[in-house]
């Protein structure tokens, strides 16, 4: 993917890929294995440098995670 405003701060390459992951955020969420924090990653396609951004997590997604675990 190429975006006009993004370039790798390490090698200055302009093509990247994005992905997402979730993580537990507190003691209760760790005990019940609920990943209530959502993050988006942007990785340079040349050097694999990766930046992590915190994104909003939806309440529906948290409920779905709780019942599917």
N, C-alpha and C. Protein backbone atom coordinates (compact mmCIF):
# COMPACT_ATOMS: atom_id res chain seq x y z
N UNK A 1 0.85 -1.17 0.00
CA UNK A 1 0.00 0.00 0.00
C UNK A 1 0.90 1.23 0.00
N UNK A 2 0.50 2.24 -0.70
CA UNK A 2 1.26 3.49 -0.74
C UNK A 2 0.34 4.63 -0.33
N UNK A 3 0.84 5.49 0.51
CA UNK A 3 0.05 6.62 1.00
C UNK A 3 0.89 7.88 0.85
N UNK A 4 0.26 8.95 0.47
CA UNK A 4 0.98 10.18 0.19
C UNK A 4 1.67 10.74 1.44
N UNK A 5 1.04 10.65 2.61
CA UNK A 5 1.55 11.30 3.81
C UNK A 5 2.47 10.43 4.67
N UNK A 6 2.61 9.14 4.38
CA UNK A 6 3.42 8.28 5.24
C UNK A 6 4.71 7.87 4.53
N UNK A 7 5.80 7.89 5.28
CA UNK A 7 7.05 7.30 4.81
C UNK A 7 7.78 6.76 6.02
N UNK A 8 8.58 5.76 5.80
CA UNK A 8 9.30 5.11 6.89
C UNK A 8 10.33 6.09 7.48
N UNK A 9 10.30 6.31 8.78
CA UNK A 9 11.27 7.23 9.39
C UNK A 9 12.69 6.65 9.40
N UNK A 10 12.82 5.35 9.18
CA UNK A 10 14.13 4.71 9.20
C UNK A 10 14.80 4.71 7.82
N UNK A 11 14.05 4.28 6.76
CA UNK A 11 14.67 4.16 5.43
C UNK A 11 14.02 5.05 4.37
N UNK A 12 12.98 5.81 4.74
CA UNK A 12 12.28 6.76 3.87
C UNK A 12 11.47 6.10 2.74
N UNK A 13 11.24 4.79 2.83
CA UNK A 13 10.44 4.08 1.83
C UNK A 13 8.98 4.46 2.03
N UNK A 14 8.17 4.48 0.96
CA UNK A 14 6.79 4.96 1.05
C UNK A 14 5.74 3.86 1.00
N UNK A 15 6.12 2.60 0.83
CA UNK A 15 5.14 1.52 0.78
C UNK A 15 5.12 0.79 2.12
N UNK A 16 3.92 0.44 2.56
CA UNK A 16 3.75 -0.15 3.89
C UNK A 16 2.58 -1.11 3.89
N UNK A 17 2.45 -1.85 4.97
CA UNK A 17 1.28 -2.70 5.20
C UNK A 17 0.78 -2.44 6.61
N UNK A 18 -0.51 -2.64 6.81
CA UNK A 18 -1.11 -2.42 8.13
C UNK A 18 -1.69 -3.73 8.65
N UNK A 19 -1.81 -3.81 9.96
CA UNK A 19 -2.38 -4.97 10.63
C UNK A 19 -2.94 -4.50 11.96
N UNK A 20 -3.63 -5.39 12.67
CA UNK A 20 -4.18 -5.06 13.98
C UNK A 20 -3.92 -6.19 14.96
N UNK A 21 -3.86 -5.84 16.24
CA UNK A 21 -3.83 -6.84 17.29
C UNK A 21 -4.52 -6.28 18.52
N UNK A 22 -4.90 -7.18 19.42
CA UNK A 22 -5.55 -6.80 20.68
C UNK A 22 -4.70 -7.30 21.84
N UNK A 23 -4.83 -6.61 22.97
CA UNK A 23 -4.08 -6.98 24.18
C UNK A 23 -4.93 -6.72 25.40
N UNK A 24 -4.65 -7.45 26.47
CA UNK A 24 -5.35 -7.24 27.74
C UNK A 24 -4.83 -5.96 28.38
N UNK A 25 -5.72 -5.23 29.06
CA UNK A 25 -5.32 -3.93 29.57
C UNK A 25 -5.26 -3.79 31.07
N UNK A 26 -5.77 -4.73 31.83
CA UNK A 26 -5.76 -4.59 33.28
C UNK A 26 -5.83 -5.94 33.95
N UNK A 27 -5.87 -5.94 35.26
CA UNK A 27 -5.85 -7.19 36.03
C UNK A 27 -7.08 -8.04 35.74
N UNK A 28 -8.28 -7.46 35.79
CA UNK A 28 -9.48 -8.24 35.55
C UNK A 28 -9.55 -8.76 34.11
N UNK A 29 -9.13 -7.94 33.16
CA UNK A 29 -9.15 -8.41 31.78
C UNK A 29 -8.13 -9.52 31.55
N UNK A 30 -7.03 -9.51 32.30
CA UNK A 30 -6.04 -10.59 32.21
C UNK A 30 -6.60 -11.87 32.83
N UNK A 31 -7.29 -11.74 33.96
CA UNK A 31 -7.86 -12.91 34.63
C UNK A 31 -8.90 -13.58 33.75
N UNK A 32 -9.78 -12.78 33.14
CA UNK A 32 -10.84 -13.34 32.30
C UNK A 32 -10.43 -13.45 30.83
N UNK A 33 -9.18 -13.15 30.51
CA UNK A 33 -8.62 -13.26 29.16
C UNK A 33 -9.44 -12.47 28.15
N UNK A 34 -9.68 -11.19 28.47
CA UNK A 34 -10.42 -10.28 27.59
C UNK A 34 -9.42 -9.26 27.05
N UNK A 35 -9.28 -9.23 25.73
CA UNK A 35 -8.38 -8.27 25.11
C UNK A 35 -9.16 -6.99 24.83
N UNK A 36 -9.05 -6.01 25.73
CA UNK A 36 -9.86 -4.80 25.61
C UNK A 36 -9.09 -3.61 25.04
N UNK A 37 -7.85 -3.81 24.65
CA UNK A 37 -7.06 -2.75 24.01
C UNK A 37 -6.79 -3.16 22.57
N UNK A 38 -7.04 -2.25 21.62
CA UNK A 38 -6.83 -2.54 20.21
C UNK A 38 -5.74 -1.63 19.66
N UNK A 39 -4.85 -2.21 18.87
CA UNK A 39 -3.74 -1.47 18.29
C UNK A 39 -3.66 -1.75 16.79
N UNK A 40 -3.23 -0.75 16.05
CA UNK A 40 -2.98 -0.90 14.61
C UNK A 40 -1.50 -0.72 14.39
N UNK A 41 -0.93 -1.57 13.54
CA UNK A 41 0.49 -1.48 13.21
C UNK A 41 0.65 -1.02 11.76
N UNK A 42 1.70 -0.27 11.52
CA UNK A 42 2.09 0.14 10.17
C UNK A 42 3.53 -0.31 10.00
N UNK A 43 3.78 -1.21 9.02
CA UNK A 43 5.11 -1.77 8.82
C UNK A 43 5.64 -1.40 7.44
N UNK A 44 6.86 -0.94 7.41
CA UNK A 44 7.54 -0.63 6.16
C UNK A 44 7.77 -1.92 5.39
N UNK A 45 7.47 -1.92 4.10
CA UNK A 45 7.64 -3.14 3.30
C UNK A 45 9.10 -3.41 2.95
N UNK A 46 9.96 -2.43 3.07
CA UNK A 46 11.38 -2.64 2.75
C UNK A 46 12.16 -3.12 3.97
N UNK A 47 12.18 -2.34 5.04
CA UNK A 47 13.03 -2.67 6.19
C UNK A 47 12.28 -3.30 7.36
N UNK A 48 10.95 -3.39 7.27
CA UNK A 48 10.08 -4.00 8.29
C UNK A 48 10.00 -3.19 9.59
N UNK A 49 10.45 -1.94 9.60
CA UNK A 49 10.26 -1.06 10.75
C UNK A 49 8.76 -0.95 11.00
N UNK A 50 8.33 -1.05 12.26
CA UNK A 50 6.91 -1.07 12.58
C UNK A 50 6.57 -0.02 13.64
N UNK A 51 5.52 0.74 13.37
CA UNK A 51 4.98 1.68 14.34
C UNK A 51 3.66 1.12 14.85
N UNK A 52 3.37 1.34 16.14
CA UNK A 52 2.14 0.83 16.76
C UNK A 52 1.30 2.02 17.21
N UNK A 53 0.01 2.00 16.83
CA UNK A 53 -0.92 3.06 17.18
C UNK A 53 -2.10 2.47 17.95
N UNK A 54 -2.48 3.14 19.03
CA UNK A 54 -3.64 2.71 19.80
C UNK A 54 -4.90 3.19 19.09
N UNK A 55 -5.87 2.29 18.91
CA UNK A 55 -7.14 2.65 18.27
C UNK A 55 -8.28 2.39 19.23
N UNK A 56 -9.43 2.95 18.93
CA UNK A 56 -10.61 2.75 19.76
C UNK A 56 -11.09 1.31 19.64
N UNK A 57 -11.46 0.72 20.76
CA UNK A 57 -12.03 -0.63 20.72
C UNK A 57 -13.53 -0.52 20.93
N UNK A 58 -14.28 -1.32 20.21
CA UNK A 58 -15.73 -1.25 20.31
C UNK A 58 -16.23 -2.16 21.44
N UNK A 59 -17.31 -1.77 22.06
CA UNK A 59 -17.91 -2.56 23.14
C UNK A 59 -18.43 -3.88 22.59
N UNK A 60 -18.98 -3.90 21.38
CA UNK A 60 -19.49 -5.13 20.78
C UNK A 60 -18.34 -6.13 20.58
N UNK A 61 -17.20 -5.64 20.13
CA UNK A 61 -16.04 -6.51 19.95
C UNK A 61 -15.58 -7.12 21.26
N UNK A 62 -15.61 -6.34 22.35
CA UNK A 62 -15.22 -6.85 23.67
C UNK A 62 -16.18 -7.93 24.14
N UNK A 63 -17.49 -7.72 23.94
CA UNK A 63 -18.48 -8.72 24.35
C UNK A 63 -18.30 -9.99 23.53
N UNK A 64 -18.10 -9.84 22.23
CA UNK A 64 -17.88 -10.99 21.36
C UNK A 64 -16.64 -11.76 21.79
N UNK A 65 -15.56 -11.06 22.12
CA UNK A 65 -14.34 -11.71 22.59
C UNK A 65 -14.59 -12.49 23.87
N UNK A 66 -15.39 -11.93 24.79
CA UNK A 66 -15.65 -12.59 26.06
C UNK A 66 -16.37 -13.94 25.85
N UNK A 67 -17.36 -13.96 24.94
CA UNK A 67 -18.13 -15.18 24.74
C UNK A 67 -17.44 -16.20 23.84
N UNK A 68 -16.46 -15.80 23.09
CA UNK A 68 -15.77 -16.74 22.20
C UNK A 68 -14.49 -17.30 22.81
N UNK A 69 -14.13 -16.88 23.99
CA UNK A 69 -12.88 -17.35 24.60
C UNK A 69 -13.11 -18.59 25.43
